[in-house]
Amino acid sequence: MKTTTRRGAAAAMLSISALIIPTLTAAGPAHANTFVPLPDGTKQGPNGVVVTRTGEHATISPSLADNGAGRTVWVSGNAIADVPDTPETKPGPWNGPNNAPGSNNSSTHGSSIIDTGYIVGCQVNIASDAISAGVSGNLSLTGGNVGGSIGLKLGPGQVAFVEIDSKDITKPGHYSVEYQDVQMQIQNCAGYAQARAYTVVEIVGDNYSKTTLYGQPFSIG
């Protein structure tokens, strides 16, 4: 009778454990990624320039530390420039503004260019007026590339321009910069964070122009 009782008690404990274990497992933190589709965009500029962005999307992941101050976003897209009129040039070293006629006081390396990236801000609404105002001087430029991870440390009110990639425009034609799952890690931002794509097409020469296409702002947590 004692043996039977002990076996019955052991079986009961196993049954209780089987009920408890799934509950404990399910209680851990969830780290689901969020997929954000973003609309295509286009802008007509001077000299017949047309800037287009297609296939843009982002995947956002919260920090594993669960402290609300870190997050990771992977961005993808295709920036396109149709340039019917630009001088045929050979890229050289970067030169500072020289105020020459047609230069618009711009820093250039002697060739037209398409440049694309993201504006990332911590507790800042990344609207067009904030961009044009330089976000009150709290602005930094971070260079990136399509094959690596980009790390940012942003406090409240800070904004960074993150360059993803660029391509020289040495003659009239169709140019594109495509990027896939470029990783940006944002740290130290305890509040909400936003990001917004930008693409700039700069045409050098006597008919200097700069055309900028912004993407739709999106939350990164």
C-alpha atoms as a PDB file:
ATOM      1  CA  MET A   1       0.000   0.000   0.000  1.00  0.00           C
ATOM      2  CA  LYS A   2       2.853   2.361   0.800  1.00  0.00           C
ATOM      3  CA  THR A   3       4.554   1.609  -2.533  1.00  0.00           C
ATOM      4  CA  THR A   4       1.313   2.218  -4.419  1.00  0.00           C
ATOM      5  CA  THR A   5       0.754   5.486  -2.574  1.00  0.00           C
ATOM      6  CA  ARG A   6       4.288   6.743  -3.372  1.00  0.00           C
ATOM      7  CA  ARG A   7       3.874   5.851  -7.045  1.00  0.00           C
ATOM      8  CA  GLY A   8       0.539   7.629  -7.157  1.00  0.00           C
ATOM      9  CA  ALA A   9       2.027  10.743  -5.540  1.00  0.00           C
ATOM     10  CA  ALA A  10       4.965  10.726  -8.005  1.00  0.00           C
ATOM     11  CA  ALA A  11       2.589  10.443 -10.958  1.00  0.00           C
ATOM     12  CA  ALA A  12       0.578  13.361  -9.597  1.00  0.00           C
ATOM     13  CA  MET A  13       3.724  15.502  -9.269  1.00  0.00           C
ATOM     14  CA  LEU A  14       4.726  14.689 -12.874  1.00  0.00           C
ATOM     15  CA  SER A  15       1.289  15.741 -14.050  1.00  0.00           C
ATOM     16  CA  ILE A  16       1.555  19.056 -12.162  1.00  0.00           C
ATOM     17  CA  SER A  17       5.065  19.670 -13.564  1.00  0.00           C
ATOM     18  CA  ALA A  18       3.812  19.045 -17.088  1.00  0.00           C
ATOM     19  CA  LEU A  19       1.217  21.756 -16.535  1.00  0.00           C
ATOM     20  CA  ILE A  20       3.652  24.257 -15.004  1.00  0.00           C
ATOM     21  CA  ILE A  21       6.591  23.990 -17.442  1.00  0.00           C
ATOM     22  CA  PRO A  22       4.791  25.331 -20.553  1.00  0.00           C
ATOM     23  CA  THR A  23       3.526  28.285 -18.493  1.00  0.00           C
ATOM     24  CA  LEU A  24       7.040  29.185 -17.343  1.00  0.00           C
ATOM     25  CA  THR A  25       8.420  28.880 -20.884  1.00  0.00           C
ATOM     26  CA  ALA A  26       5.750  31.170 -22.307  1.00  0.00           C
ATOM     27  CA  ALA A  27       6.500  33.850 -19.714  1.00  0.00           C
ATOM     28  CA  GLY A  28       9.829  34.900 -21.354  1.00  0.00           C
ATOM     29  CA  PRO A  29      10.114  38.181 -23.341  1.00  0.00           C
ATOM     30  CA  ALA A  30       9.029  38.223 -26.987  1.00  0.00           C
ATOM     31  CA  HIS A  31      11.338  39.679 -29.645  1.00  0.00           C
ATOM     32  CA  ALA A  32       9.182  39.666 -32.760  1.00  0.00           C
ATOM     33  CA  ASN A  33      10.439  41.590 -35.774  1.00  0.00           C
ATOM     34  CA  THR A  34       8.200  44.203 -37.401  1.00  0.00           C
ATOM     35  CA  PHE A  35       8.093  44.500 -41.191  1.00  0.00           C
ATOM     36  CA  VAL A  36       7.376  48.021 -42.491  1.00  0.00           C
ATOM     37  CA  PRO A  37       6.510  48.407 -46.207  1.00  0.00           C
ATOM     38  CA  LEU A  38       7.188  51.916 -47.514  1.00  0.00           C
ATOM     39  CA  PRO A  39       5.761  53.670 -50.584  1.00  0.00           C
ATOM     40  CA  ASP A  40       7.631  54.420 -53.783  1.00  0.00           C
ATOM     41  CA  GLY A  41       8.412  58.040 -54.551  1.00  0.00           C
ATOM     42  CA  THR A  42       9.594  60.275 -57.406  1.00  0.00           C
ATOM     43  CA  LYS A  43      10.693  63.856 -57.884  1.00  0.00           C
ATOM     44  CA  GLN A  44      11.359  65.956 -60.973  1.00  0.00           C
ATOM     45  CA  GLY A  45      14.350  68.286 -60.710  1.00  0.00           C
ATOM     46  CA  PRO A  46      16.126  70.865 -62.864  1.00  0.00           C
ATOM     47  CA  ASN A  47      17.971  69.863 -66.045  1.00  0.00           C
ATOM     48  CA  GLY A  48      15.399  67.099 -66.645  1.00  0.00           C
ATOM     49  CA  VAL A  49      16.628  65.058 -63.664  1.00  0.00           C
ATOM     50  CA  VAL A  50      14.157  62.503 -62.293  1.00  0.00           C
ATOM     51  CA  VAL A  51      14.844  60.854 -58.921  1.00  0.00           C
ATOM     52  CA  THR A  52      12.906  57.711 -57.989  1.00  0.00           C
ATOM     53  CA  ARG A  53      12.869  55.313 -55.051  1.00  0.00           C
ATOM     54  CA  THR A  54      11.285  51.862 -55.338  1.00  0.00           C
ATOM     55  CA  GLY A  55      10.980  48.699 -53.264  1.00  0.00           C
ATOM     56  CA  GLU A  56      11.777  50.376 -49.958  1.00  0.00           C
ATOM     57  CA  HIS A  57      11.019  48.486 -46.749  1.00  0.00           C
ATOM     58  CA  ALA A  58      12.379  48.093 -43.228  1.00  0.00           C
ATOM     59  CA  THR A  59      12.489  45.305 -40.653  1.00  0.00           C
ATOM     60  CA  ILE A  60      12.665  46.462 -37.044  1.00  0.00           C
ATOM     61  CA  SER A  61      13.856  44.421 -34.073  1.00  0.00           C
ATOM     62  CA  PRO A  62      13.864  45.515 -30.404  1.00  0.00           C
ATOM     63  CA  SER A  63      17.010  45.263 -28.327  1.00  0.00           C
ATOM     64  CA  LEU A  64      17.605  41.944 -26.577  1.00  0.00           C
ATOM     65  CA  ALA A  65      18.404  43.954 -23.455  1.00  0.00           C
ATOM     66  CA  ASP A  66      14.751  45.042 -23.168  1.00  0.00           C
ATOM     67  CA  ASN A  67      15.813  48.444 -21.852  1.00  0.00           C
ATOM     68  CA  GLY A  68      13.997  50.545 -24.471  1.00  0.00           C
ATOM     69  CA  ALA A  69      17.238  52.355 -25.387  1.00  0.00           C
ATOM     70  CA  GLY A  70      18.391  50.113 -28.227  1.00  0.00           C
ATOM     71  CA  ARG A  71      16.925  48.721 -31.431  1.00  0.00           C
ATOM     72  CA  THR A  72      18.029  47.420 -34.809  1.00  0.00           C
ATOM     73  CA  VAL A  73      16.576  48.109 -38.233  1.00  0.00           C
ATOM     74  CA  TRP A  74      17.387  46.501 -41.580  1.00  0.00           C
ATOM     75  CA  VAL A  75      16.615  48.703 -44.590  1.00  0.00           C
ATOM     76  CA  SER A  76      16.264  47.867 -48.268  1.00  0.00           C
ATOM     77  CA  GLY A  77      15.446  49.850 -51.384  1.00  0.00           C
ATOM     78  CA  ASN A  78      16.493  51.068 -54.815  1.00  0.00           C
ATOM     79  CA  ALA A  79      17.397  54.701 -55.555  1.00  0.00           C
ATOM     80  CA  ILE A  80      17.336  55.696 -59.229  1.00  0.00           C
ATOM     81  CA  ALA A  81      18.477  58.791 -61.118  1.00  0.00           C
ATOM     82  CA  ASP A  82      17.580  59.491 -64.740  1.00  0.00           C
ATOM     83  CA  VAL A  83      19.969  62.196 -65.925  1.00  0.00           C
ATOM     84  CA  PRO A  84      19.508  63.437 -69.516  1.00  0.00           C
ATOM     85  CA  ASP A  85      21.920  66.370 -69.264  1.00  0.00           C
ATOM     86  CA  THR A  86      25.208  66.507 -67.339  1.00  0.00           C
ATOM     87  CA  PRO A  87      28.824  67.250 -68.304  1.00  0.00           C
ATOM     88  CA  GLU A  88      30.983  64.243 -69.075  1.00  0.00           C
ATOM     89  CA  THR A  89      33.457  64.252 -66.206  1.00  0.00           C
ATOM     90  CA  LYS A  90      36.124  62.211 -64.479  1.00  0.00           C
ATOM     91  CA  PRO A  91      35.868  62.060 -60.671  1.00  0.00           C
ATOM     92  CA  GLY A  92      38.781  63.590 -58.815  1.00  0.00           C
ATOM     93  CA  PRO A  93      39.636  64.516 -55.232  1.00  0.00           C
ATOM     94  CA  TRP A  94      37.059  66.338 -53.146  1.00  0.00           C
ATOM     95  CA  ASN A  95      37.405  70.123 -53.183  1.00  0.00           C
ATOM     96  CA  GLY A  96      35.777  72.666 -50.913  1.00  0.00           C
ATOM     97  CA  PRO A  97      33.389  75.423 -52.057  1.00  0.00           C
ATOM     98  CA  ASN A  98      35.028  77.920 -54.409  1.00  0.00           C
ATOM     99  CA  ASN A  99      32.054  80.201 -55.183  1.00  0.00           C
ATOM    100  CA  ALA A 100      32.739  79.819 -58.917  1.00  0.00           C
ATOM    101  CA  PRO A 101      29.856  80.614 -61.299  1.00  0.00           C
ATOM    102  CA  GLY A 102      27.387  77.752 -61.366  1.00  0.00           C
ATOM    103  CA  SER A 103      28.933  76.011 -58.366  1.00  0.00           C
ATOM    104  CA  ASN A 104      26.247  77.138 -55.882  1.00  0.00           C
ATOM    105  CA  ASN A 105      29.060  77.233 -53.316  1.00  0.00           C
ATOM    106  CA  SER A 106      28.998  73.422 -53.219  1.00  0.00           C
ATOM    107  CA  SER A 107      31.733  71.004 -52.236  1.00  0.00           C
ATOM    108  CA  THR A 108      32.370  68.622 -55.132  1.00  0.00           C
ATOM    109  CA  HIS A 109      34.834  66.086 -56.460  1.00  0.00           C
ATOM    110  CA  GLY A 110      34.374  67.209 -60.035  1.00  0.00           C
ATOM    111  CA  SER A 111      31.608  64.811 -61.028  1.00  0.00           C
ATOM    112  CA  SER A 112      27.851  64.650 -60.674  1.00  0.00           C
ATOM    113  CA  ILE A 113      26.664  62.093 -58.122  1.00  0.00           C
ATOM    114  CA  ILE A 114      23.705  60.166 -56.697  1.00  0.00           C
ATOM    115  CA  ASP A 115      23.847  59.624 -52.940  1.00  0.00           C
ATOM    116  CA  THR A 116      21.315  57.774 -50.789  1.00  0.00           C
ATOM    117  CA  GLY A 117      20.881  57.033 -47.099  1.00  0.00           C
ATOM    118  CA  TYR A 118      18.717  57.636 -44.038  1.00  0.00           C
ATOM    119  CA  ILE A 119      18.012  60.385 -41.560  1.00  0.00           C
ATOM    120  CA  VAL A 120      17.666  58.867 -38.077  1.00  0.00           C
ATOM    121  CA  GLY A 121      16.445  60.847 -35.070  1.00  0.00           C
ATOM    122  CA  CYS A 122      15.826  60.248 -31.374  1.00  0.00           C
ATOM    123  CA  GLN A 123      12.710  61.958 -30.003  1.00  0.00           C
ATOM    124  CA  VAL A 124      12.637  64.156 -33.110  1.00  0.00           C
ATOM    125  CA  ASN A 125       9.864  64.415 -35.683  1.00  0.00           C
ATOM    126  CA  ILE A 126      11.788  64.108 -38.949  1.00  0.00           C
ATOM    127  CA  ALA A 127       9.682  66.439 -41.080  1.00  0.00           C
ATOM    128  CA  SER A 128      10.870  68.484 -44.048  1.00  0.00           C
ATOM    129  CA  ASP A 129      11.093  71.685 -41.984  1.00  0.00           C
ATOM    130  CA  ALA A 130      13.333  69.969 -39.428  1.00  0.00           C
ATOM    131  CA  ILE A 131      15.624  68.710 -42.188  1.00  0.00           C
ATOM    132  CA  SER A 132      15.940  72.089 -43.885  1.00  0.00           C
ATOM    133  CA  ALA A 133      16.686  73.756 -40.553  1.00  0.00           C
ATOM    134  CA  GLY A 134      19.518  71.324 -39.865  1.00  0.00           C
ATOM    135  CA  VAL A 135      17.697  70.195 -36.730  1.00  0.00           C
ATOM    136  CA  SER A 136      19.092  73.123 -34.707  1.00  0.00           C
ATOM    137  CA  GLY A 137      22.668  72.030 -35.223  1.00  0.00           C
ATOM    138  CA  ASN A 138      22.246  68.608 -33.584  1.00  0.00           C
ATOM    139  CA  LEU A 139      23.294  66.953 -36.820  1.00  0.00           C
ATOM    140  CA  SER A 140      25.984  64.418 -37.589  1.00  0.00           C
ATOM    141  CA  LEU A 141      26.961  62.470 -40.689  1.00  0.00           C
ATOM    142  CA  THR A 142      27.751  58.777 -40.483  1.00  0.00           C
ATOM    143  CA  GLY A 143      29.158  56.972 -43.491  1.00  0.00           C
ATOM    144  CA  GLY A 144      28.027  53.461 -44.224  1.00  0.00           C
ATOM    145  CA  ASN A 145      28.168  50.861 -46.958  1.00  0.00           C
ATOM    146  CA  VAL A 146      25.853  48.265 -48.388  1.00  0.00           C
ATOM    147  CA  GLY A 147      27.819  45.379 -46.909  1.00  0.00           C
ATOM    148  CA  GLY A 148      28.251  46.321 -43.257  1.00  0.00           C
ATOM    149  CA  SER A 149      26.486  47.250 -40.048  1.00  0.00           C
ATOM    150  CA  ILE A 150      26.119  50.889 -39.001  1.00  0.00           C
ATOM    151  CA  GLY A 151      26.140  51.778 -35.309  1.00  0.00           C
ATOM    152  CA  LEU A 152      24.543  54.990 -34.005  1.00  0.00           C
ATOM    153  CA  LYS A 153      24.462  56.487 -30.523  1.00  0.00           C
ATOM    154  CA  LEU A 154      21.702  59.097 -30.329  1.00  0.00           C
ATOM    155  CA  GLY A 155      20.411  61.027 -27.340  1.00  0.00           C
ATOM    156  CA  PRO A 156      17.113  62.947 -27.157  1.00  0.00           C
ATOM    157  CA  GLY A 157      16.851  65.588 -29.871  1.00  0.00           C
ATOM    158  CA  GLN A 158      19.799  64.270 -31.879  1.00  0.00           C
ATOM    159  CA  VAL A 159      19.714  63.434 -35.583  1.00  0.00           C
ATOM    160  CA  ALA A 160      22.213  61.601 -37.808  1.00  0.00           C
ATOM    161  CA  PHE A 161      22.460  61.445 -41.587  1.00  0.00           C
ATOM    162  CA  VAL A 162      23.538  57.890 -42.449  1.00  0.00           C
ATOM    163  CA  GLU A 163      24.989  57.480 -45.929  1.00  0.00           C
ATOM    164  CA  ILE A 164      24.241  54.037 -47.362  1.00  0.00           C
ATOM    165  CA  ASP A 165      25.946  54.309 -50.746  1.00  0.00           C
ATOM    166  CA  SER A 166      26.648  56.625 -53.685  1.00  0.00           C
ATOM    167  CA  LYS A 167      27.547  56.438 -57.360  1.00  0.00           C
ATOM    168  CA  ASP A 168      29.351  58.878 -59.637  1.00  0.00           C
ATOM    169  CA  ILE A 169      27.427  60.225 -62.621  1.00  0.00           C
ATOM    170  CA  THR A 170      30.075  60.753 -65.289  1.00  0.00           C
ATOM    171  CA  LYS A 171      27.782  61.220 -68.297  1.00  0.00           C
ATOM    172  CA  PRO A 172      24.068  61.352 -69.129  1.00  0.00           C
ATOM    173  CA  GLY A 173      22.208  58.108 -68.442  1.00  0.00           C
ATOM    174  CA  HIS A 174      20.288  55.908 -66.016  1.00  0.00           C
ATOM    175  CA  TYR A 175      21.907  55.294 -62.628  1.00  0.00           C
ATOM    176  CA  SER A 176      20.760  53.255 -59.643  1.00  0.00           C
ATOM    177  CA  VAL A 177      21.939  52.392 -56.144  1.00  0.00           C
ATOM    178  CA  GLU A 178      20.319  49.245 -54.767  1.00  0.00           C
ATOM    179  CA  TYR A 179      20.738  48.093 -51.171  1.00  0.00           C
ATOM    180  CA  GLN A 180      19.398  45.051 -49.352  1.00  0.00           C
ATOM    181  CA  ASP A 181      19.068  44.488 -45.580  1.00  0.00           C
ATOM    182  CA  VAL A 182      21.595  47.114 -44.514  1.00  0.00           C
ATOM    183  CA  GLN A 183      21.722  46.998 -40.721  1.00  0.00           C
ATOM    184  CA  MET A 184      21.541  50.095 -38.526  1.00  0.00           C
ATOM    185  CA  GLN A 185      21.890  49.703 -34.748  1.00  0.00           C
ATOM    186  CA  ILE A 186      20.550  52.587 -32.660  1.00  0.00           C
ATOM    187  CA  GLN A 187      21.725  52.836 -29.046  1.00  0.00           C
ATOM    188  CA  ASN A 188      21.189  55.236 -26.105  1.00  0.00           C
ATOM    189  CA  CYS A 189      17.794  56.445 -27.391  1.00  0.00           C
ATOM    190  CA  ALA A 190      15.396  55.857 -24.495  1.00  0.00           C
ATOM    191  CA  GLY A 191      12.470  57.560 -26.246  1.00  0.00           C
ATOM    192  CA  TYR A 192      10.875  57.038 -29.621  1.00  0.00           C
ATOM    193  CA  ALA A 193      13.053  56.958 -32.744  1.00  0.00           C
ATOM    194  CA  GLN A 194      12.264  57.699 -36.378  1.00  0.00           C
ATOM    195  CA  ALA A 195      13.999  57.187 -39.701  1.00  0.00           C
ATOM    196  CA  ARG A 196      13.471  58.571 -43.182  1.00  0.00           C
ATOM    197  CA  ALA A 197      15.192  57.803 -46.479  1.00  0.00           C
ATOM    198  CA  TYR A 198      16.834  60.487 -48.588  1.00  0.00           C
ATOM    199  CA  THR A 199      18.307  60.462 -52.095  1.00  0.00           C
ATOM    200  CA  VAL A 200      20.284  63.409 -53.454  1.00  0.00           C
ATOM    201  CA  VAL A 201      21.260  63.894 -57.104  1.00  0.00           C
ATOM    202  CA  GLU A 202      23.821  66.659 -57.618  1.00  0.00           C
ATOM    203  CA  ILE A 203      24.611  67.891 -61.122  1.00  0.00           C
ATOM    204  CA  VAL A 204      27.835  69.872 -61.518  1.00  0.00           C
ATOM    205  CA  GLY A 205      28.771  72.338 -64.230  1.00  0.00           C
ATOM    206  CA  ASP A 206      27.445  75.685 -65.429  1.00  0.00           C
ATOM    207  CA  ASN A 207      23.861  74.573 -64.762  1.00  0.00           C
ATOM    208  CA  TYR A 208      24.430  73.317 -61.244  1.00  0.00           C
ATOM    209  CA  SER A 209      21.457  71.680 -59.523  1.00  0.00           C
ATOM    210  CA  LYS A 210      20.671  69.517 -56.523  1.00  0.00           C
ATOM    211  CA  THR A 211      17.498  67.413 -56.340  1.00  0.00           C
ATOM    212  CA  THR A 212      16.530  65.704 -53.078  1.00  0.00           C
ATOM    213  CA  LEU A 213      13.852  63.035 -52.716  1.00  0.00           C
ATOM    214  CA  TYR A 214      12.751  62.152 -49.174  1.00  0.00           C
ATOM    215  CA  GLY A 215      10.989  58.948 -48.209  1.00  0.00           C
ATOM    216  CA  GLN A 216       8.116  58.456 -45.813  1.00  0.00           C
ATOM    217  CA  PRO A 217       9.145  58.739 -42.134  1.00  0.00           C
ATOM    218  CA  PHE A 218       8.654  55.552 -40.122  1.00  0.00           C
ATOM    219  CA  SER A 219       8.942  54.642 -36.461  1.00  0.00           C
ATOM    220  CA  ILE A 220      11.734  52.369 -35.293  1.00  0.00           C
ATOM    221  CA  GLY A 221      10.317  51.931 -31.801  1.00  0.00           C
END
